[in-house]
PDB file of N, CA and C in Angstrom:
ATOM      1  N   UNK A   1       0.818  -1.191   0.000  1.00  0.00           N
ATOM      2  CA  UNK A   1       0.000   0.000   0.000  1.00  0.00           C
ATOM      3  C   UNK A   1       0.865   1.260   0.000  1.00  0.00           C
ATOM      4  N   UNK A   2       1.939   1.260   0.804  1.00  0.00           N
ATOM      5  CA  UNK A   2       2.834   2.414   0.847  1.00  0.00           C
ATOM      6  C   UNK A   2       3.489   2.642  -0.518  1.00  0.00           C
ATOM      7  N   UNK A   3       3.827   1.538  -1.162  1.00  0.00           N
ATOM      8  CA  UNK A   3       4.467   1.637  -2.468  1.00  0.00           C
ATOM      9  C   UNK A   3       3.539   2.291  -3.488  1.00  0.00           C
ATOM     10  N   UNK A   4       2.275   1.924  -3.491  1.00  0.00           N
ATOM     11  CA  UNK A   4       1.293   2.503  -4.407  1.00  0.00           C
ATOM     12  C   UNK A   4       1.137   3.995  -4.125  1.00  0.00           C
ATOM     13  N   UNK A   5       1.104   4.372  -2.853  1.00  0.00           N
ATOM     14  CA  UNK A   5       0.984   5.774  -2.470  1.00  0.00           C
ATOM     15  C   UNK A   5       2.214   6.571  -2.933  1.00  0.00           C
ATOM     16  N   UNK A   6       3.401   6.021  -2.749  1.00  0.00           N
ATOM     17  CA  UNK A   6       4.636   6.695  -3.187  1.00  0.00           C
ATOM     18  C   UNK A   6       4.664   6.878  -4.703  1.00  0.00           C
ATOM     19  N   UNK A   7       4.290   5.841  -5.429  1.00  0.00           N
ATOM     20  CA  UNK A   7       4.263   5.928  -6.892  1.00  0.00           C
ATOM     21  C   UNK A   7       3.222   6.967  -7.324  1.00  0.00           C
ATOM     22  N   UNK A   8       2.071   6.958  -6.694  1.00  0.00           N
ATOM     23  CA  UNK A   8       1.014   7.922  -7.019  1.00  0.00           C
ATOM     24  C   UNK A   8       1.454   9.357  -6.792  1.00  0.00           C
ATOM     25  N   UNK A   9       2.100   9.612  -5.653  1.00  0.00           N
ATOM     26  CA  UNK A   9       2.582  10.971  -5.359  1.00  0.00           C
ATOM     27  C   UNK A   9       3.674  11.402  -6.342  1.00  0.00           C
ATOM     28  N   UNK A  10       4.536  10.471  -6.710  1.00  0.00           N
ATOM     29  CA  UNK A  10       5.579  10.782  -7.674  1.00  0.00           C
ATOM     30  C   UNK A  10       4.978  11.184  -9.021  1.00  0.00           C
ATOM     31  N   UNK A  11       3.972  10.469  -9.457  1.00  0.00           N
ATOM     32  CA  UNK A  11       3.297  10.783 -10.719  1.00  0.00           C
ATOM     33  C   UNK A  11       2.634  12.159 -10.644  1.00  0.00           C
ATOM     34  N   UNK A  12       1.977  12.463  -9.534  1.00  0.00           N
ATOM     35  CA  UNK A  12       1.324  13.758  -9.362  1.00  0.00           C
ATOM     36  C   UNK A  12       2.346  14.894  -9.437  1.00  0.00           C
ATOM     37  N   UNK A  13       3.460  14.757  -8.744  1.00  0.00           N
ATOM     38  CA  UNK A  13       4.495  15.794  -8.776  1.00  0.00           C
ATOM     39  C   UNK A  13       5.096  15.940 -10.173  1.00  0.00           C
ATOM     40  N   UNK A  14       5.306  14.833 -10.864  1.00  0.00           N
ATOM     41  CA  UNK A  14       5.852  14.891 -12.224  1.00  0.00           C
ATOM     42  C   UNK A  14       4.892  15.621 -13.161  1.00  0.00           C
ATOM     43  N   UNK A  15       3.605  15.324 -13.061  1.00  0.00           N
ATOM     44  CA  UNK A  15       2.611  16.005 -13.891  1.00  0.00           C
ATOM     45  C   UNK A  15       2.543  17.496 -13.581  1.00  0.00           C
ATOM     46  N   UNK A  16       2.649  17.849 -12.313  1.00  0.00           N
ATOM     47  CA  UNK A  16       2.633  19.271 -11.927  1.00  0.00           C
ATOM     48  C   UNK A  16       3.848  19.983 -12.519  1.00  0.00           C
ATOM     49  N   UNK A  17       5.018  19.355 -12.480  1.00  0.00           N
ATOM     50  CA  UNK A  17       6.231  19.948 -13.040  1.00  0.00           C
ATOM     51  C   UNK A  17       6.080  20.168 -14.545  1.00  0.00           C
ATOM     52  N   UNK A  18       5.555  19.186 -15.261  1.00  0.00           N
ATOM     53  CA  UNK A  18       5.346  19.305 -16.710  1.00  0.00           C
ATOM     54  C   UNK A  18       4.343  20.417 -17.009  1.00  0.00           C
ATOM     55  N   UNK A  19       3.275  20.517 -16.223  1.00  0.00           N
ATOM     56  CA  UNK A  19       2.275  21.560 -16.439  1.00  0.00           C
ATOM     57  C   UNK A  19       2.880  22.950 -16.267  1.00  0.00           C
ATOM     58  N   UNK A  20       3.746  23.119 -15.283  1.00  0.00           N
ATOM     59  CA  UNK A  20       4.397  24.418 -15.059  1.00  0.00           C
ATOM     60  C   UNK A  20       5.314  24.746 -16.237  1.00  0.00           C
ATOM     61  N   UNK A  21       6.075  23.774 -16.716  1.00  0.00           N
ATOM     62  CA  UNK A  21       6.982  24.010 -17.844  1.00  0.00           C
ATOM     63  C   UNK A  21       6.205  24.383 -19.096  1.00  0.00           C
ATOM     64  N   UNK A  22       5.103  23.704 -19.376  1.00  0.00           N
ATOM     65  CA  UNK A  22       4.287  24.011 -20.547  1.00  0.00           C
ATOM     66  C   UNK A  22       3.675  25.395 -20.420  1.00  0.00           C
ATOM     67  N   UNK A  23       3.236  25.777 -19.234  1.00  0.00           N
ATOM     68  CA  UNK A  23       2.672  27.114 -19.025  1.00  0.00           C
ATOM     69  C   UNK A  23       3.710  28.178 -19.335  1.00  0.00           C
ATOM     70  N   UNK A  24       4.968  27.940 -18.984  1.00  0.00           N
ATOM     71  CA  UNK A  24       6.031  28.898 -19.269  1.00  0.00           C
ATOM     72  C   UNK A  24       6.215  29.052 -20.785  1.00  0.00           C
ATOM     73  N   UNK A  25       6.157  27.957 -21.530  1.00  0.00           N
ATOM     74  CA  UNK A  25       6.352  28.005 -22.971  1.00  0.00           C
ATOM     75  C   UNK A  25       5.167  28.670 -23.656  1.00  0.00           C
ATOM     76  N   UNK A  26       3.961  28.436 -23.188  1.00  0.00           N
ATOM     77  CA  UNK A  26       2.781  28.997 -23.829  1.00  0.00           C
ATOM     78  C   UNK A  26       2.837  30.510 -23.901  1.00  0.00           C
ATOM     79  N   UNK A  27       3.432  31.160 -22.885  1.00  0.00           N
ATOM     80  CA  UNK A  27       3.486  32.616 -22.885  1.00  0.00           C
ATOM     81  C   UNK A  27       4.339  33.160 -24.010  1.00  0.00           C
ATOM     82  N   UNK A  28       5.570  32.675 -24.135  1.00  0.00           N
ATOM     83  CA  UNK A  28       6.471  33.139 -25.166  1.00  0.00           C
ATOM     84  C   UNK A  28       6.728  34.634 -25.114  1.00  0.00           C
ATOM     85  N   UNK A  29       6.577  35.233 -23.943  1.00  0.00           N
ATOM     86  CA  UNK A  29       6.691  36.685 -23.804  1.00  0.00           C
ATOM     87  C   UNK A  29       7.808  37.025 -22.832  1.00  0.00           C
ATOM     88  N   UNK A  30       8.545  38.061 -23.173  1.00  0.00           N
ATOM     89  CA  UNK A  30       9.557  38.593 -22.273  1.00  0.00           C
ATOM     90  C   UNK A  30       9.063  39.977 -21.853  1.00  0.00           C
ATOM     91  N   UNK A  31       8.908  40.171 -20.567  1.00  0.00           N
ATOM     92  CA  UNK A  31       8.437  41.452 -20.055  1.00  0.00           C
ATOM     93  C   UNK A  31       9.623  42.388 -19.882  1.00  0.00           C
ATOM     94  N   UNK A  32       9.608  43.469 -20.637  1.00  0.00           N
ATOM     95  CA  UNK A  32      10.703  44.440 -20.591  1.00  0.00           C
ATOM     96  C   UNK A  32      10.162  45.826 -20.298  1.00  0.00           C
ATOM     97  N   UNK A  33      11.051  46.668 -19.772  1.00  0.00           N
ATOM     98  CA  UNK A  33      10.698  48.080 -19.567  1.00  0.00           C
ATOM     99  C   UNK A  33      11.903  48.924 -19.968  1.00  0.00           C
ATOM    100  N   UNK A  34      11.676  50.200 -20.204  1.00  0.00           N
ATOM    101  CA  UNK A  34      12.742  51.105 -20.591  1.00  0.00           C
ATOM    102  C   UNK A  34      13.846  51.059 -19.527  1.00  0.00           C
ATOM    103  N   UNK A  35      15.074  50.953 -19.988  1.00  0.00           N
ATOM    104  CA  UNK A  35      16.228  50.887 -19.096  1.00  0.00           C
ATOM    105  C   UNK A  35      16.731  49.481 -18.829  1.00  0.00           C
ATOM    106  N   UNK A  36      15.957  48.448 -19.153  1.00  0.00           N
ATOM    107  CA  UNK A  36      16.397  47.064 -18.953  1.00  0.00           C
ATOM    108  C   UNK A  36      17.563  46.745 -19.891  1.00  0.00           C
ATOM    109  N   UNK A  37      18.569  46.056 -19.368  1.00  0.00           N
ATOM    110  CA  UNK A  37      19.651  45.562 -20.203  1.00  0.00           C
ATOM    111  C   UNK A  37      19.241  44.213 -20.777  1.00  0.00           C
ATOM    112  N   UNK A  38      19.406  44.060 -22.080  1.00  0.00           N
ATOM    113  CA  UNK A  38      19.058  42.818 -22.764  1.00  0.00           C
ATOM    114  C   UNK A  38      20.147  42.479 -23.770  1.00  0.00           C
ATOM    115  N   UNK A  39      20.085  41.264 -24.253  1.00  0.00           N
ATOM    116  CA  UNK A  39      20.974  40.804 -25.313  1.00  0.00           C
ATOM    117  C   UNK A  39      20.091  40.498 -26.517  1.00  0.00           C
ATOM    118  N   UNK A  40      20.457  41.038 -27.671  1.00  0.00           N
ATOM    119  CA  UNK A  40      19.631  40.889 -28.861  1.00  0.00           C
ATOM    120  C   UNK A  40      20.482  40.463 -30.048  1.00  0.00           C
ATOM    121  N   UNK A  41      19.810  39.977 -31.078  1.00  0.00           N
ATOM    122  CA  UNK A  41      20.470  39.643 -32.332  1.00  0.00           C
ATOM    123  C   UNK A  41      20.973  40.948 -32.953  1.00  0.00           C
ATOM    124  N   UNK A  42      22.241  40.997 -33.301  1.00  0.00           N
ATOM    125  CA  UNK A  42      22.820  42.199 -33.886  1.00  0.00           C
ATOM    126  C   UNK A  42      23.055  42.090 -35.377  1.00  0.00           C
ATOM    127  N   UNK A  43      22.403  41.139 -36.032  1.00  0.00           N
ATOM    128  CA  UNK A  43      22.652  40.887 -37.455  1.00  0.00           C
ATOM    129  C   UNK A  43      22.100  41.974 -38.373  1.00  0.00           C
ATOM    130  N   UNK A  44      21.096  42.692 -37.930  1.00  0.00           N
ATOM    131  CA  UNK A  44      20.516  43.734 -38.770  1.00  0.00           C
ATOM    132  C   UNK A  44      19.150  43.355 -39.313  1.00  0.00           C
ATOM    133  N   UNK A  45      18.623  44.242 -40.139  1.00  0.00           N
ATOM    134  CA  UNK A  45      17.253  44.098 -40.640  1.00  0.00           C
ATOM    135  C   UNK A  45      17.038  42.865 -41.504  1.00  0.00           C
ATOM    136  N   UNK A  46      18.081  42.355 -42.145  1.00  0.00           N
ATOM    137  CA  UNK A  46      17.917  41.202 -43.028  1.00  0.00           C
ATOM    138  C   UNK A  46      17.697  39.902 -42.257  1.00  0.00           C
ATOM    139  N   UNK A  47      18.049  39.882 -40.991  1.00  0.00           N
ATOM    140  CA  UNK A  47      17.898  38.670 -40.178  1.00  0.00           C
ATOM    141  C   UNK A  47      16.483  38.574 -39.624  1.00  0.00           C
ATOM    142  N   UNK A  48      15.923  37.402 -39.694  1.00  0.00           N
ATOM    143  CA  UNK A  48      14.543  37.201 -39.251  1.00  0.00           C
ATOM    144  C   UNK A  48      14.428  36.549 -37.880  1.00  0.00           C
ATOM    145  N   UNK A  49      15.550  36.221 -37.211  1.00  0.00           N
ATOM    146  CA  UNK A  49      15.446  35.499 -35.940  1.00  0.00           C
ATOM    147  C   UNK A  49      14.932  36.407 -34.817  1.00  0.00           C
ATOM    148  N   UNK A  50      15.361  37.675 -34.794  1.00  0.00           N
ATOM    149  CA  UNK A  50      14.915  38.644 -33.787  1.00  0.00           C
ATOM    150  C   UNK A  50      14.955  38.066 -32.372  1.00  0.00           C
ATOM    151  N   UNK A  51      16.080  37.445 -32.037  1.00  0.00           N
ATOM    152  CA  UNK A  51      16.261  36.828 -30.723  1.00  0.00           C
ATOM    153  C   UNK A  51      16.496  37.897 -29.665  1.00  0.00           C
ATOM    154  N   UNK A  52      15.823  37.738 -28.499  1.00  0.00           N
ATOM    155  CA  UNK A  52      15.987  38.626 -27.343  1.00  0.00           C
ATOM    156  C   UNK A  52      16.196  37.746 -26.124  1.00  0.00           C
ATOM    157  N   UNK A  53      17.147  38.128 -25.255  1.00  0.00           N
ATOM    158  CA  UNK A  53      17.433  37.346 -24.056  1.00  0.00           C
ATOM    159  C   UNK A  53      17.885  38.261 -22.926  1.00  0.00           C
ATOM    160  N   UNK A  54      17.771  37.777 -21.707  1.00  0.00           N
ATOM    161  CA  UNK A  54      18.311  38.503 -20.557  1.00  0.00           C
ATOM    162  C   UNK A  54      19.750  38.068 -20.251  1.00  0.00           C
ATOM    163  N   UNK A  55      20.238  37.069 -20.985  1.00  0.00           N
ATOM    164  CA  UNK A  55      21.580  36.528 -20.739  1.00  0.00           C
ATOM    165  C   UNK A  55      22.389  36.517 -22.024  1.00  0.00           C
ATOM    166  N   UNK A  56      23.725  36.606 -21.910  1.00  0.00           N
ATOM    167  CA  UNK A  56      24.557  36.509 -23.111  1.00  0.00           C
ATOM    168  C   UNK A  56      24.478  35.108 -23.701  1.00  0.00           C
ATOM    169  N   UNK A  57      24.699  35.029 -24.988  1.00  0.00           N
ATOM    170  CA  UNK A  57      24.666  33.737 -25.662  1.00  0.00           C
ATOM    171  C   UNK A  57      24.683  33.940 -27.157  1.00  0.00           C
ATOM    172  N   UNK A  58      24.088  33.019 -27.870  1.00  0.00           N
ATOM    173  CA  UNK A  58      24.029  33.070 -29.329  1.00  0.00           C
ATOM    174  C   UNK A  58      22.594  33.297 -29.774  1.00  0.00           C
ATOM    175  N   UNK A  59      22.450  33.965 -30.928  1.00  0.00           N
ATOM    176  CA  UNK A  59      21.139  34.100 -31.575  1.00  0.00           C
ATOM    177  C   UNK A  59      20.720  32.724 -32.091  1.00  0.00           C
ATOM    178  N   UNK A  60      19.464  32.589 -32.414  1.00  0.00           N
ATOM    179  CA  UNK A  60      19.056  31.326 -33.028  1.00  0.00           C
ATOM    180  C   UNK A  60      19.648  31.215 -34.435  1.00  0.00           C
ATOM    181  N   UNK A  61      20.143  32.343 -34.993  1.00  0.00           N
ATOM    182  CA  UNK A  61      20.812  32.296 -36.297  1.00  0.00           C
ATOM    183  C   UNK A  61      22.300  31.965 -36.159  1.00  0.00           C
ATOM    184  N   UNK A  62      22.797  31.824 -34.908  1.00  0.00           N
ATOM    185  CA  UNK A  62      24.162  31.371 -34.677  1.00  0.00           C
ATOM    186  C   UNK A  62      25.181  32.439 -34.312  1.00  0.00           C
ATOM    187  N   UNK A  63      24.832  33.709 -34.427  1.00  0.00           N
ATOM    188  CA  UNK A  63      25.776  34.782 -34.084  1.00  0.00           C
ATOM    189  C   UNK A  63      25.663  35.153 -32.611  1.00  0.00           C
ATOM    190  N   UNK A  64      26.685  35.838 -32.095  1.00  0.00           N
ATOM    191  CA  UNK A  64      26.656  36.276 -30.702  1.00  0.00           C
ATOM    192  C   UNK A  64      25.578  37.328 -30.488  1.00  0.00           C
ATOM    193  N   UNK A  65      24.883  37.230 -29.354  1.00  0.00           N
ATOM    194  CA  UNK A  65      23.932  38.270 -28.974  1.00  0.00           C
ATOM    195  C   UNK A  65      24.701  39.521 -28.564  1.00  0.00           C
ATOM    196  N   UNK A  66      24.118  40.690 -28.801  1.00  0.00           N
ATOM    197  CA  UNK A  66      24.732  41.977 -28.511  1.00  0.00           C
ATOM    198  C   UNK A  66      24.050  42.576 -27.283  1.00  0.00           C
ATOM    199  N   UNK A  67      24.854  43.030 -26.314  1.00  0.00           N
ATOM    200  CA  UNK A  67      24.300  43.640 -25.109  1.00  0.00           C
ATOM    201  C   UNK A  67      23.851  45.070 -25.425  1.00  0.00           C
ATOM    202  N   UNK A  68      22.652  45.421 -24.994  1.00  0.00           N
ATOM    203  CA  UNK A  68      22.103  46.749 -25.232  1.00  0.00           C
ATOM    204  C   UNK A  68      21.087  47.089 -24.149  1.00  0.00           C
ATOM    205  N   UNK A  69      20.477  48.249 -24.252  1.00  0.00           N
ATOM    206  CA  UNK A  69      19.496  48.709 -23.270  1.00  0.00           C
ATOM    207  C   UNK A  69      18.200  49.085 -23.990  1.00  0.00           C
ATOM    208  N   UNK A  70      17.072  48.738 -23.394  1.00  0.00           N
ATOM    209  CA  UNK A  70      15.768  49.098 -23.961  1.00  0.00           C
ATOM    210  C   UNK A  70      15.601  50.611 -23.852  1.00  0.00           C
ATOM    211  N   UNK A  71      15.324  51.257 -24.997  1.00  0.00           N
ATOM    212  CA  UNK A  71      15.168  52.716 -25.023  1.00  0.00           C
ATOM    213  C   UNK A  71      13.707  53.154 -25.075  1.00  0.00           C
ATOM    214  N   UNK A  72      12.839  52.251 -25.587  1.00  0.00           N
ATOM    215  CA  UNK A  72      11.436  52.615 -25.755  1.00  0.00           C
ATOM    216  C   UNK A  72      10.608  51.344 -25.871  1.00  0.00           C
ATOM    217  N   UNK A  73       9.372  51.417 -25.383  1.00  0.00           N
ATOM    218  CA  UNK A  73       8.415  50.313 -25.524  1.00  0.00           C
ATOM    219  C   UNK A  73       7.184  50.871 -26.235  1.00  0.00           C
ATOM    220  N   UNK A  74       6.750  50.199 -27.285  1.00  0.00           N
ATOM    221  CA  UNK A  74       5.514  50.560 -27.981  1.00  0.00           C
ATOM    222  C   UNK A  74       4.749  49.279 -28.268  1.00  0.00           C
ATOM    223  N   UNK A  75       3.621  49.103 -27.607  1.00  0.00           N
ATOM    224  CA  UNK A  75       2.839  47.883 -27.781  1.00  0.00           C
ATOM    225  C   UNK A  75       3.633  46.674 -27.348  1.00  0.00           C
ATOM    226  N   UNK A  76       3.761  45.694 -28.240  1.00  0.00           N
ATOM    227  CA  UNK A  76       4.515  44.468 -27.959  1.00  0.00           C
ATOM    228  C   UNK A  76       5.923  44.515 -28.538  1.00  0.00           C
ATOM    229  N   UNK A  77       6.441  45.727 -28.762  1.00  0.00           N
ATOM    230  CA  UNK A  77       7.798  45.861 -29.299  1.00  0.00           C
ATOM    231  C   UNK A  77       8.680  46.651 -28.344  1.00  0.00           C
ATOM    232  N   UNK A  78       9.910  46.168 -28.207  1.00  0.00           N
ATOM    233  CA  UNK A  78      10.925  46.873 -27.423  1.00  0.00           C
ATOM    234  C   UNK A  78      11.937  47.434 -28.420  1.00  0.00           C
ATOM    235  N   UNK A  79      12.310  48.677 -28.228  1.00  0.00           N
ATOM    236  CA  UNK A  79      13.281  49.328 -29.101  1.00  0.00           C
ATOM    237  C   UNK A  79      14.620  49.422 -28.376  1.00  0.00           C
ATOM    238  N   UNK A  80      15.673  49.067 -29.093  1.00  0.00           N
ATOM    239  CA  UNK A  80      17.024  49.101 -28.535  1.00  0.00           C
ATOM    240  C   UNK A  80      17.958  49.719 -29.571  1.00  0.00           C
ATOM    241  N   UNK A  81      19.121  50.152 -29.127  1.00  0.00           N
ATOM    242  CA  UNK A  81      20.139  50.681 -30.017  1.00  0.00           C
ATOM    243  C   UNK A  81      21.098  49.549 -30.353  1.00  0.00           C
ATOM    244  N   UNK A  82      21.167  49.191 -31.643  1.00  0.00           N
ATOM    245  CA  UNK A  82      22.081  48.155 -32.106  1.00  0.00           C
ATOM    246  C   UNK A  82      23.000  48.784 -33.148  1.00  0.00           C
ATOM    247  N   UNK A  83      24.260  48.913 -32.796  1.00  0.00           N
ATOM    248  CA  UNK A  83      25.269  49.487 -33.699  1.00  0.00           C
ATOM    249  C   UNK A  83      24.860  50.876 -34.174  1.00  0.00           C
ATOM    250  N   UNK A  84      24.339  51.698 -33.254  1.00  0.00           N
ATOM    251  CA  UNK A  84      23.968  53.066 -33.570  1.00  0.00           C
ATOM    252  C   UNK A  84      22.639  53.239 -34.281  1.00  0.00           C
ATOM    253  N   UNK A  85      21.874  52.178 -34.390  1.00  0.00           N
ATOM    254  CA  UNK A  85      20.599  52.226 -35.098  1.00  0.00           C
ATOM    255  C   UNK A  85      19.486  51.710 -34.194  1.00  0.00           C
ATOM    256  N   UNK A  86      18.398  52.491 -34.060  1.00  0.00           N
ATOM    257  CA  UNK A  86      17.270  52.033 -33.249  1.00  0.00           C
ATOM    258  C   UNK A  86      16.582  50.876 -33.964  1.00  0.00           C
ATOM    259  N   UNK A  87      16.436  49.772 -33.256  1.00  0.00           N
ATOM    260  CA  UNK A  87      15.866  48.557 -33.828  1.00  0.00           C
ATOM    261  C   UNK A  87      14.755  48.036 -32.930  1.00  0.00           C
ATOM    262  N   UNK A  88      13.653  47.617 -33.542  1.00  0.00           N
ATOM    263  CA  UNK A  88      12.514  47.081 -32.798  1.00  0.00           C
ATOM    264  C   UNK A  88      12.597  45.561 -32.740  1.00  0.00           C
ATOM    265  N   UNK A  89      12.326  45.028 -31.558  1.00  0.00           N
ATOM    266  CA  UNK A  89      12.275  43.584 -31.358  1.00  0.00           C
ATOM    267  C   UNK A  89      10.931  43.230 -30.731  1.00  0.00           C
ATOM    268  N   UNK A  90      10.238  42.214 -31.255  1.00  0.00           N
ATOM    269  CA  UNK A  90       8.989  41.786 -30.626  1.00  0.00           C
ATOM    270  C   UNK A  90       9.267  41.225 -29.233  1.00  0.00           C
ATOM    271  N   UNK A  91       8.366  41.501 -28.292  1.00  0.00           N
ATOM    272  CA  UNK A  91       8.500  40.943 -26.940  1.00  0.00           C
ATOM    273  C   UNK A  91       7.711  39.646 -26.803  1.00  0.00           C
ATOM    274  N   UNK A  92       7.114  39.183 -27.901  1.00  0.00           N
ATOM    275  CA  UNK A  92       6.429  37.899 -27.942  1.00  0.00           C
ATOM    276  C   UNK A  92       7.101  37.075 -29.024  1.00  0.00           C
ATOM    277  N   UNK A  93       7.616  35.930 -28.637  1.00  0.00           N
ATOM    278  CA  UNK A  93       8.330  35.091 -29.586  1.00  0.00           C
ATOM    279  C   UNK A  93       7.514  33.915 -30.067  1.00  0.00           C
ATOM    280  N   UNK A  94       7.878  33.414 -31.232  1.00  0.00           N
ATOM    281  CA  UNK A  94       7.275  32.183 -31.745  1.00  0.00           C
ATOM    282  C   UNK A  94       7.941  30.971 -31.086  1.00  0.00           C
ATOM    283  N   UNK A  95       9.170  31.190 -30.563  1.00  0.00           N
ATOM    284  CA  UNK A  95       9.918  30.157 -29.856  1.00  0.00           C
ATOM    285  C   UNK A  95      10.408  30.744 -28.539  1.00  0.00           C
ATOM    286  N   UNK A  96      10.478  29.905 -27.505  1.00  0.00           N
ATOM    287  CA  UNK A  96      10.887  30.388 -26.182  1.00  0.00           C
ATOM    288  C   UNK A  96      11.682  29.317 -25.452  1.00  0.00           C
ATOM    289  N   UNK A  97      12.484  29.778 -24.501  1.00  0.00           N
ATOM    290  CA  UNK A  97      13.263  28.879 -23.664  1.00  0.00           C
ATOM    291  C   UNK A  97      12.307  28.059 -22.785  1.00  0.00           C
ATOM    292  N   UNK A  98      12.474  26.742 -22.733  1.00  0.00           N
ATOM    293  CA  UNK A  98      11.560  25.891 -21.970  1.00  0.00           C
ATOM    294  C   UNK A  98      12.002  25.637 -20.533  1.00  0.00           C
ATOM    295  N   UNK A  99      12.985  26.380 -20.038  1.00  0.00           N
ATOM    296  CA  UNK A  99      13.570  26.077 -18.730  1.00  0.00           C
ATOM    297  C   UNK A  99      12.614  26.253 -17.553  1.00  0.00           C
ATOM    298  N   UNK A 100      11.673  27.153 -17.667  1.00  0.00           N
ATOM    299  CA  UNK A 100      10.743  27.363 -16.558  1.00  0.00           C
ATOM    300  C   UNK A 100      11.196  28.465 -15.626  1.00  0.00           C
ATOM    301  N   UNK A 101      10.576  28.539 -14.466  1.00  0.00           N
ATOM    302  CA  UNK A 101      10.776  29.643 -13.529  1.00  0.00           C
ATOM    303  C   UNK A 101      12.201  29.728 -12.983  1.00  0.00           C
ATOM    304  N   UNK A 102      12.911  28.626 -12.871  1.00  0.00           N
ATOM    305  CA  UNK A 102      14.255  28.644 -12.307  1.00  0.00           C
ATOM    306  C   UNK A 102      15.308  29.224 -13.240  1.00  0.00           C
ATOM    307  N   UNK A 103      15.020  29.299 -14.525  1.00  0.00           N
ATOM    308  CA  UNK A 103      15.974  29.781 -15.522  1.00  0.00           C
ATOM    309  C   UNK A 103      15.827  31.288 -15.691  1.00  0.00           C
ATOM    310  N   UNK A 104      16.945  31.972 -15.778  1.00  0.00           N
ATOM    311  CA  UNK A 104      16.912  33.433 -15.873  1.00  0.00           C
ATOM    312  C   UNK A 104      17.274  33.953 -17.260  1.00  0.00           C
ATOM    313  N   UNK A 105      17.423  33.080 -18.257  1.00  0.00           N
ATOM    314  CA  UNK A 105      17.838  33.579 -19.572  1.00  0.00           C
ATOM    315  C   UNK A 105      16.688  34.258 -20.315  1.00  0.00           C
ATOM    316  N   UNK A 106      15.448  33.817 -20.109  1.00  0.00           N
ATOM    317  CA  UNK A 106      14.283  34.465 -20.729  1.00  0.00           C
ATOM    318  C   UNK A 106      14.465  34.686 -22.222  1.00  0.00           C
ATOM    319  N   UNK A 107      14.927  33.694 -22.947  1.00  0.00           N
ATOM    320  CA  UNK A 107      15.188  33.861 -24.369  1.00  0.00           C
ATOM    321  C   UNK A 107      13.937  33.599 -25.192  1.00  0.00           C
ATOM    322  N   UNK A 108      13.655  34.514 -26.133  1.00  0.00           N
ATOM    323  CA  UNK A 108      12.589  34.311 -27.115  1.00  0.00           C
ATOM    324  C   UNK A 108      13.159  34.581 -28.496  1.00  0.00           C
ATOM    325  N   UNK A 109      12.532  34.017 -29.523  1.00  0.00           N
ATOM    326  CA  UNK A 109      12.992  34.210 -30.890  1.00  0.00           C
ATOM    327  C   UNK A 109      11.839  33.981 -31.845  1.00  0.00           C
ATOM    328  N   UNK A 110      12.009  34.450 -33.060  1.00  0.00           N
ATOM    329  CA  UNK A 110      11.013  34.224 -34.102  1.00  0.00           C
ATOM    330  C   UNK A 110      11.349  32.987 -34.928  1.00  0.00           C
ATOM    331  N   UNK A 111      12.526  32.414 -34.688  1.00  0.00           N
ATOM    332  CA  UNK A 111      12.949  31.206 -35.398  1.00  0.00           C
ATOM    333  C   UNK A 111      13.490  30.185 -34.395  1.00  0.00           C
ATOM    334  N   UNK A 112      13.464  28.902 -34.734  1.00  0.00           N
ATOM    335  CA  UNK A 112      13.965  27.887 -33.812  1.00  0.00           C
ATOM    336  C   UNK A 112      15.476  27.980 -33.639  1.00  0.00           C
ATOM    337  N   UNK A 113      15.951  27.505 -32.502  1.00  0.00           N
ATOM    338  CA  UNK A 113      17.375  27.501 -32.215  1.00  0.00           C
ATOM    339  C   UNK A 113      17.597  27.203 -30.740  1.00  0.00           C
ATOM    340  N   UNK A 114      18.765  27.534 -30.259  1.00  0.00           N
ATOM    341  CA  UNK A 114      19.107  27.317 -28.844  1.00  0.00           C
ATOM    342  C   UNK A 114      18.849  28.601 -28.074  1.00  0.00           C
ATOM    343  N   UNK A 115      18.446  28.455 -26.797  1.00  0.00           N
ATOM    344  CA  UNK A 115      18.326  29.638 -25.953  1.00  0.00           C
ATOM    345  C   UNK A 115      19.693  29.950 -25.355  1.00  0.00           C
ATOM    346  N   UNK A 116      19.807  31.084 -24.693  1.00  0.00           N
ATOM    347  CA  UNK A 116      21.095  31.534 -24.152  1.00  0.00           C
ATOM    348  C   UNK A 116      21.683  30.535 -23.160  1.00  0.00           C
ATOM    349  N   UNK A 117      20.841  29.749 -22.485  1.00  0.00           N
ATOM    350  CA  UNK A 117      21.350  28.771 -21.522  1.00  0.00           C
ATOM    351  C   UNK A 117      21.716  27.444 -22.186  1.00  0.00           C
ATOM    352  N   UNK A 118      21.559  27.358 -23.525  1.00  0.00           N
ATOM    353  CA  UNK A 118      22.008  26.188 -24.267  1.00  0.00           C
ATOM    354  C   UNK A 118      20.955  25.151 -24.604  1.00  0.00           C
ATOM    355  N   UNK A 119      19.747  25.291 -24.086  1.00  0.00           N
ATOM    356  CA  UNK A 119      18.696  24.323 -24.385  1.00  0.00           C
ATOM    357  C   UNK A 119      18.014  24.678 -25.702  1.00  0.00           C
ATOM    358  N   UNK A 120      17.397  23.677 -26.334  1.00  0.00           N
ATOM    359  CA  UNK A 120      16.634  23.934 -27.545  1.00  0.00           C
ATOM    360  C   UNK A 120      15.362  24.691 -27.198  1.00  0.00           C
ATOM    361  N   UNK A 121      15.112  25.799 -27.919  1.00  0.00           N
ATOM    362  CA  UNK A 121      13.862  26.533 -27.693  1.00  0.00           C
ATOM    363  C   UNK A 121      12.697  25.700 -28.211  1.00  0.00           C
ATOM    364  N   UNK A 122      11.554  25.917 -27.609  1.00  0.00           N
ATOM    365  CA  UNK A 122      10.339  25.199 -27.990  1.00  0.00           C
ATOM    366  C   UNK A 122       9.366  26.155 -28.657  1.00  0.00           C
ATOM    367  N   UNK A 123       8.606  25.633 -29.601  1.00  0.00           N
ATOM    368  CA  UNK A 123       7.582  26.439 -30.285  1.00  0.00           C
ATOM    369  C   UNK A 123       6.517  26.838 -29.269  1.00  0.00           C
ATOM    370  N   UNK A 124       6.144  28.109 -29.284  1.00  0.00           N
ATOM    371  CA  UNK A 124       5.119  28.625 -28.385  1.00  0.00           C
ATOM    372  C   UNK A 124       3.763  28.197 -28.927  1.00  0.00           C
ATOM    373  N   UNK A 125       2.918  27.704 -28.040  1.00  0.00           N
ATOM    374  CA  UNK A 125       1.587  27.248 -28.463  1.00  0.00           C
ATOM    375  C   UNK A 125       0.587  28.369 -28.405  1.00  0.00           C
TER     376      UNK A 125
END
């Protein structure tokens, strides 16, 4: 009887953990405000990945993220200075880091790839 109870509790906790992780992915949003330091794709207008993260790392297109500061927020877009040019980045991604609440990279992108902490980003539902 104890064994059945232990197995049952383990299953319940595992399901709760999966539900929390899926809830994190469903949002696909990074909450930013003016003055926040972020790391963004510095490839320019021709690049479609538009990766944004709170941690240094690589874009989903493979280049290094560039450290910058949010200068303006309009709707769901954050504006930053990249190489002397104001650039808009969506704050809602099609792909997001699946790490959950314990992870601080907060990486989102418009294309699949790795998040700043090295895990594969998941498609936002």
